[in-house]
């Protein structure tokens, strides 16, 4: 039996997201769905001494109300340095910061040259999975031919990936 999970990509997802990835044989990033503004697709929060701080990847949305996640383009690359600096300021004295500092710096350096949100989110998700020892195959829904309709699309994705369980 092949288990499949399908979720939209998030920027540095929550722990449960990785639990889902770890529980299936193939994880499909639903990247050809409509991008939603003010959502977890391009932002997340960290705890700081002054409260919660939003880390947001700036994206082009003006006049693009129906663009898909995989069509969402990043506007600029300064955000990578700003996010890394915010993490450093917030967590430099945390118990495991030194262990993950280089990992994070390399991850943000990779993201610095990427133009599309899907590529950034996939890179973060795959890198974090590797760090956690999760070996689940990760693919994109845009790699598959999709049917029309919400339920039909999901069912066709599972079938196309050779899945028996969703």
C-alpha atoms as a PDB file:
ATOM      1  CA  UNK A   1       0.000   0.000   0.000  1.00  0.00           C
ATOM      2  CA  UNK A   2       1.376   3.417  -1.012  1.00  0.00           C
ATOM      3  CA  UNK A   3       0.349   6.349   1.200  1.00  0.00           C
ATOM      4  CA  UNK A   4       0.102   9.838  -0.298  1.00  0.00           C
ATOM      5  CA  UNK A   5      -0.311  13.218   1.414  1.00  0.00           C
ATOM      6  CA  UNK A   6      -1.039  16.446  -0.462  1.00  0.00           C
ATOM      7  CA  UNK A   7      -0.639  19.914   1.073  1.00  0.00           C
ATOM      8  CA  UNK A   8       0.163  23.412  -0.106  1.00  0.00           C
ATOM      9  CA  UNK A   9       3.684  24.534   0.691  1.00  0.00           C
ATOM     10  CA  UNK A  10       4.400  26.782   3.655  1.00  0.00           C
ATOM     11  CA  UNK A  11       7.440  28.849   4.554  1.00  0.00           C
ATOM     12  CA  UNK A  12       9.163  26.963   7.399  1.00  0.00           C
ATOM     13  CA  UNK A  13       6.144  24.787   8.254  1.00  0.00           C
ATOM     14  CA  UNK A  14       5.005  23.730  11.705  1.00  0.00           C
ATOM     15  CA  UNK A  15       6.084  20.445  13.310  1.00  0.00           C
ATOM     16  CA  UNK A  16       2.872  18.611  12.394  1.00  0.00           C
ATOM     17  CA  UNK A  17       3.555  19.276   8.709  1.00  0.00           C
ATOM     18  CA  UNK A  18       6.747  17.221   9.012  1.00  0.00           C
ATOM     19  CA  UNK A  19       4.911  14.522  10.965  1.00  0.00           C
ATOM     20  CA  UNK A  20       2.547  14.197   7.981  1.00  0.00           C
ATOM     21  CA  UNK A  21       5.469  14.001   5.537  1.00  0.00           C
ATOM     22  CA  UNK A  22       7.103  11.325   7.691  1.00  0.00           C
ATOM     23  CA  UNK A  23       3.899   9.246   7.800  1.00  0.00           C
ATOM     24  CA  UNK A  24       3.548   8.748   4.020  1.00  0.00           C
ATOM     25  CA  UNK A  25       5.465   7.256   1.108  1.00  0.00           C
ATOM     26  CA  UNK A  26       5.085  10.313  -1.134  1.00  0.00           C
ATOM     27  CA  UNK A  27       4.321  13.886  -0.200  1.00  0.00           C
ATOM     28  CA  UNK A  28       2.933  16.108  -2.947  1.00  0.00           C
ATOM     29  CA  UNK A  29       3.300  19.865  -2.649  1.00  0.00           C
ATOM     30  CA  UNK A  30       0.063  21.266  -4.063  1.00  0.00           C
ATOM     31  CA  UNK A  31       1.834  24.062  -5.923  1.00  0.00           C
ATOM     32  CA  UNK A  32      -0.620  24.700  -8.740  1.00  0.00           C
ATOM     33  CA  UNK A  33      -3.335  25.957  -6.405  1.00  0.00           C
ATOM     34  CA  UNK A  34      -4.164  29.638  -6.037  1.00  0.00           C
ATOM     35  CA  UNK A  35      -1.706  31.645  -3.950  1.00  0.00           C
ATOM     36  CA  UNK A  36      -3.411  33.063  -0.870  1.00  0.00           C
ATOM     37  CA  UNK A  37      -2.277  36.417   0.501  1.00  0.00           C
ATOM     38  CA  UNK A  38      -1.558  36.954   4.201  1.00  0.00           C
ATOM     39  CA  UNK A  39      -1.154  33.236   4.699  1.00  0.00           C
ATOM     40  CA  UNK A  40       1.576  30.780   5.701  1.00  0.00           C
ATOM     41  CA  UNK A  41       2.712  30.307   2.068  1.00  0.00           C
ATOM     42  CA  UNK A  42       5.266  33.127   2.332  1.00  0.00           C
ATOM     43  CA  UNK A  43       5.473  33.986   6.019  1.00  0.00           C
ATOM     44  CA  UNK A  44       5.899  32.650   9.511  1.00  0.00           C
ATOM     45  CA  UNK A  45       6.524  33.932  13.026  1.00  0.00           C
ATOM     46  CA  UNK A  46       9.412  33.607  15.442  1.00  0.00           C
ATOM     47  CA  UNK A  47       9.514  34.398  19.146  1.00  0.00           C
ATOM     48  CA  UNK A  48      11.751  37.303  20.143  1.00  0.00           C
ATOM     49  CA  UNK A  49      12.469  39.087  23.414  1.00  0.00           C
ATOM     50  CA  UNK A  50       9.930  41.713  22.289  1.00  0.00           C
ATOM     51  CA  UNK A  51       7.186  39.270  21.294  1.00  0.00           C
ATOM     52  CA  UNK A  52       6.297  37.575  18.030  1.00  0.00           C
ATOM     53  CA  UNK A  53       7.989  38.751  14.821  1.00  0.00           C
ATOM     54  CA  UNK A  54       6.711  38.045  11.301  1.00  0.00           C
ATOM     55  CA  UNK A  55       9.265  36.775   8.785  1.00  0.00           C
ATOM     56  CA  UNK A  56       7.741  37.460   5.384  1.00  0.00           C
ATOM     57  CA  UNK A  57       9.100  36.641   1.944  1.00  0.00           C
ATOM     58  CA  UNK A  58       8.083  39.618  -0.227  1.00  0.00           C
ATOM     59  CA  UNK A  59       6.187  38.471  -3.310  1.00  0.00           C
ATOM     60  CA  UNK A  60       4.649  40.155  -6.344  1.00  0.00           C
ATOM     61  CA  UNK A  61       0.865  40.130  -5.938  1.00  0.00           C
ATOM     62  CA  UNK A  62      -0.357  43.440  -7.340  1.00  0.00           C
ATOM     63  CA  UNK A  63      -2.957  42.691  -9.992  1.00  0.00           C
ATOM     64  CA  UNK A  64      -2.289  38.947  -9.710  1.00  0.00           C
ATOM     65  CA  UNK A  65      -5.352  37.856  -7.768  1.00  0.00           C
ATOM     66  CA  UNK A  66      -5.577  34.388  -9.286  1.00  0.00           C
ATOM     67  CA  UNK A  67      -1.932  33.460  -9.641  1.00  0.00           C
ATOM     68  CA  UNK A  68      -0.924  29.980  -8.569  1.00  0.00           C
ATOM     69  CA  UNK A  69       1.617  29.297  -5.848  1.00  0.00           C
ATOM     70  CA  UNK A  70       4.135  28.096  -8.446  1.00  0.00           C
ATOM     71  CA  UNK A  71       3.655  31.344 -10.408  1.00  0.00           C
ATOM     72  CA  UNK A  72       4.270  33.567  -7.373  1.00  0.00           C
ATOM     73  CA  UNK A  73       7.494  35.464  -7.873  1.00  0.00           C
ATOM     74  CA  UNK A  74       9.681  36.802  -5.079  1.00  0.00           C
ATOM     75  CA  UNK A  75      10.301  40.540  -5.170  1.00  0.00           C
ATOM     76  CA  UNK A  76      13.929  41.028  -4.216  1.00  0.00           C
ATOM     77  CA  UNK A  77      16.435  38.982  -2.284  1.00  0.00           C
ATOM     78  CA  UNK A  78      17.236  41.207   0.681  1.00  0.00           C
ATOM     79  CA  UNK A  79      14.732  39.240   2.752  1.00  0.00           C
ATOM     80  CA  UNK A  80      17.134  36.289   3.149  1.00  0.00           C
ATOM     81  CA  UNK A  81      19.680  38.398   5.024  1.00  0.00           C
ATOM     82  CA  UNK A  82      16.946  40.069   7.083  1.00  0.00           C
ATOM     83  CA  UNK A  83      15.419  36.735   8.101  1.00  0.00           C
ATOM     84  CA  UNK A  84      18.771  35.197   8.974  1.00  0.00           C
ATOM     85  CA  UNK A  85      19.659  38.270  11.034  1.00  0.00           C
ATOM     86  CA  UNK A  86      16.315  38.172  12.871  1.00  0.00           C
ATOM     87  CA  UNK A  87      16.801  34.488  13.697  1.00  0.00           C
ATOM     88  CA  UNK A  88      20.344  35.172  14.873  1.00  0.00           C
ATOM     89  CA  UNK A  89      19.239  38.044  17.134  1.00  0.00           C
ATOM     90  CA  UNK A  90      16.343  36.024  18.566  1.00  0.00           C
ATOM     91  CA  UNK A  91      18.123  32.705  19.078  1.00  0.00           C
ATOM     92  CA  UNK A  92      21.893  33.286  19.292  1.00  0.00           C
ATOM     93  CA  UNK A  93      21.869  32.277  22.968  1.00  0.00           C
ATOM     94  CA  UNK A  94      19.421  29.387  22.588  1.00  0.00           C
ATOM     95  CA  UNK A  95      20.817  25.967  23.564  1.00  0.00           C
ATOM     96  CA  UNK A  96      21.026  24.475  20.042  1.00  0.00           C
ATOM     97  CA  UNK A  97      21.612  27.589  17.963  1.00  0.00           C
ATOM     98  CA  UNK A  98      25.315  26.842  17.375  1.00  0.00           C
ATOM     99  CA  UNK A  99      24.427  23.369  16.132  1.00  0.00           C
ATOM    100  CA  UNK A 100      22.023  24.722  13.473  1.00  0.00           C
ATOM    101  CA  UNK A 101      23.614  28.073  12.622  1.00  0.00           C
ATOM    102  CA  UNK A 102      25.579  26.814   9.604  1.00  0.00           C
ATOM    103  CA  UNK A 103      22.590  24.760   8.402  1.00  0.00           C
ATOM    104  CA  UNK A 104      20.407  27.891   8.456  1.00  0.00           C
ATOM    105  CA  UNK A 105      23.037  30.108   6.832  1.00  0.00           C
ATOM    106  CA  UNK A 106      23.468  27.617   3.989  1.00  0.00           C
ATOM    107  CA  UNK A 107      19.706  27.281   3.575  1.00  0.00           C
ATOM    108  CA  UNK A 108      19.204  31.035   3.329  1.00  0.00           C
ATOM    109  CA  UNK A 109      22.194  31.326   0.959  1.00  0.00           C
ATOM    110  CA  UNK A 110      20.490  28.788  -1.352  1.00  0.00           C
ATOM    111  CA  UNK A 111      17.190  30.651  -1.167  1.00  0.00           C
ATOM    112  CA  UNK A 112      18.901  33.956  -1.962  1.00  0.00           C
ATOM    113  CA  UNK A 113      19.200  33.060  -5.651  1.00  0.00           C
ATOM    114  CA  UNK A 114      15.656  31.723  -6.100  1.00  0.00           C
ATOM    115  CA  UNK A 115      12.966  33.685  -7.893  1.00  0.00           C
ATOM    116  CA  UNK A 116       9.828  31.653  -7.148  1.00  0.00           C
ATOM    117  CA  UNK A 117       8.095  30.963  -3.837  1.00  0.00           C
ATOM    118  CA  UNK A 118       7.549  27.285  -4.697  1.00  0.00           C
ATOM    119  CA  UNK A 119      11.293  26.730  -5.138  1.00  0.00           C
ATOM    120  CA  UNK A 120      12.084  28.418  -1.819  1.00  0.00           C
ATOM    121  CA  UNK A 121       9.442  26.525   0.147  1.00  0.00           C
ATOM    122  CA  UNK A 122      10.400  23.194  -1.421  1.00  0.00           C
ATOM    123  CA  UNK A 123      14.081  23.824  -0.626  1.00  0.00           C
ATOM    124  CA  UNK A 124      13.292  24.622   3.004  1.00  0.00           C
ATOM    125  CA  UNK A 125      10.963  21.635   3.371  1.00  0.00           C
ATOM    126  CA  UNK A 126      13.373  19.165   1.756  1.00  0.00           C
ATOM    127  CA  UNK A 127      16.357  20.488   3.715  1.00  0.00           C
ATOM    128  CA  UNK A 128      14.524  20.311   7.033  1.00  0.00           C
ATOM    129  CA  UNK A 129      13.316  16.792   6.174  1.00  0.00           C
ATOM    130  CA  UNK A 130      16.905  15.731   5.462  1.00  0.00           C
ATOM    131  CA  UNK A 131      18.049  17.245   8.761  1.00  0.00           C
ATOM    132  CA  UNK A 132      15.290  15.348  10.582  1.00  0.00           C
ATOM    133  CA  UNK A 133      16.105  12.077   8.802  1.00  0.00           C
ATOM    134  CA  UNK A 134      12.816  12.031   6.867  1.00  0.00           C
ATOM    135  CA  UNK A 135      13.335  10.265   3.538  1.00  0.00           C
ATOM    136  CA  UNK A 136       9.858  10.604   2.043  1.00  0.00           C
ATOM    137  CA  UNK A 137       9.731  11.328  -1.689  1.00  0.00           C
ATOM    138  CA  UNK A 138       8.563  14.927  -2.264  1.00  0.00           C
ATOM    139  CA  UNK A 139       7.019  15.935  -5.589  1.00  0.00           C
ATOM    140  CA  UNK A 140       4.989  18.821  -6.999  1.00  0.00           C
ATOM    141  CA  UNK A 141       1.374  18.599  -8.114  1.00  0.00           C
ATOM    142  CA  UNK A 142       2.407  20.519 -11.235  1.00  0.00           C
ATOM    143  CA  UNK A 143       4.511  17.478 -12.200  1.00  0.00           C
ATOM    144  CA  UNK A 144       1.244  15.567 -12.727  1.00  0.00           C
ATOM    145  CA  UNK A 145      -1.615  16.034 -15.168  1.00  0.00           C
ATOM    146  CA  UNK A 146      -4.610  17.143 -13.151  1.00  0.00           C
ATOM    147  CA  UNK A 147      -8.346  16.704 -13.552  1.00  0.00           C
ATOM    148  CA  UNK A 148     -10.852  19.528 -13.024  1.00  0.00           C
ATOM    149  CA  UNK A 149     -12.714  19.948  -9.736  1.00  0.00           C
ATOM    150  CA  UNK A 150     -11.345  19.882  -6.187  1.00  0.00           C
ATOM    151  CA  UNK A 151     -12.107  16.272  -5.284  1.00  0.00           C
ATOM    152  CA  UNK A 152     -11.331  14.983  -8.765  1.00  0.00           C
ATOM    153  CA  UNK A 153      -7.939  16.719  -8.748  1.00  0.00           C
ATOM    154  CA  UNK A 154      -6.941  15.143  -5.445  1.00  0.00           C
ATOM    155  CA  UNK A 155      -8.178  11.692  -6.486  1.00  0.00           C
ATOM    156  CA  UNK A 156      -6.302  11.939  -9.800  1.00  0.00           C
ATOM    157  CA  UNK A 157      -3.118  13.060  -8.034  1.00  0.00           C
ATOM    158  CA  UNK A 158      -3.250  10.051  -5.721  1.00  0.00           C
ATOM    159  CA  UNK A 159      -3.953   7.707  -8.675  1.00  0.00           C
ATOM    160  CA  UNK A 160      -1.215   9.266 -10.811  1.00  0.00           C
ATOM    161  CA  UNK A 161       1.309   8.874  -7.994  1.00  0.00           C
ATOM    162  CA  UNK A 162       0.357   5.196  -7.636  1.00  0.00           C
ATOM    163  CA  UNK A 163      -1.234   5.740  -4.256  1.00  0.00           C
ATOM    164  CA  UNK A 164      -3.759   3.509  -2.504  1.00  0.00           C
ATOM    165  CA  UNK A 165      -4.284   5.715   0.512  1.00  0.00           C
ATOM    166  CA  UNK A 166      -4.757   9.494   0.914  1.00  0.00           C
END
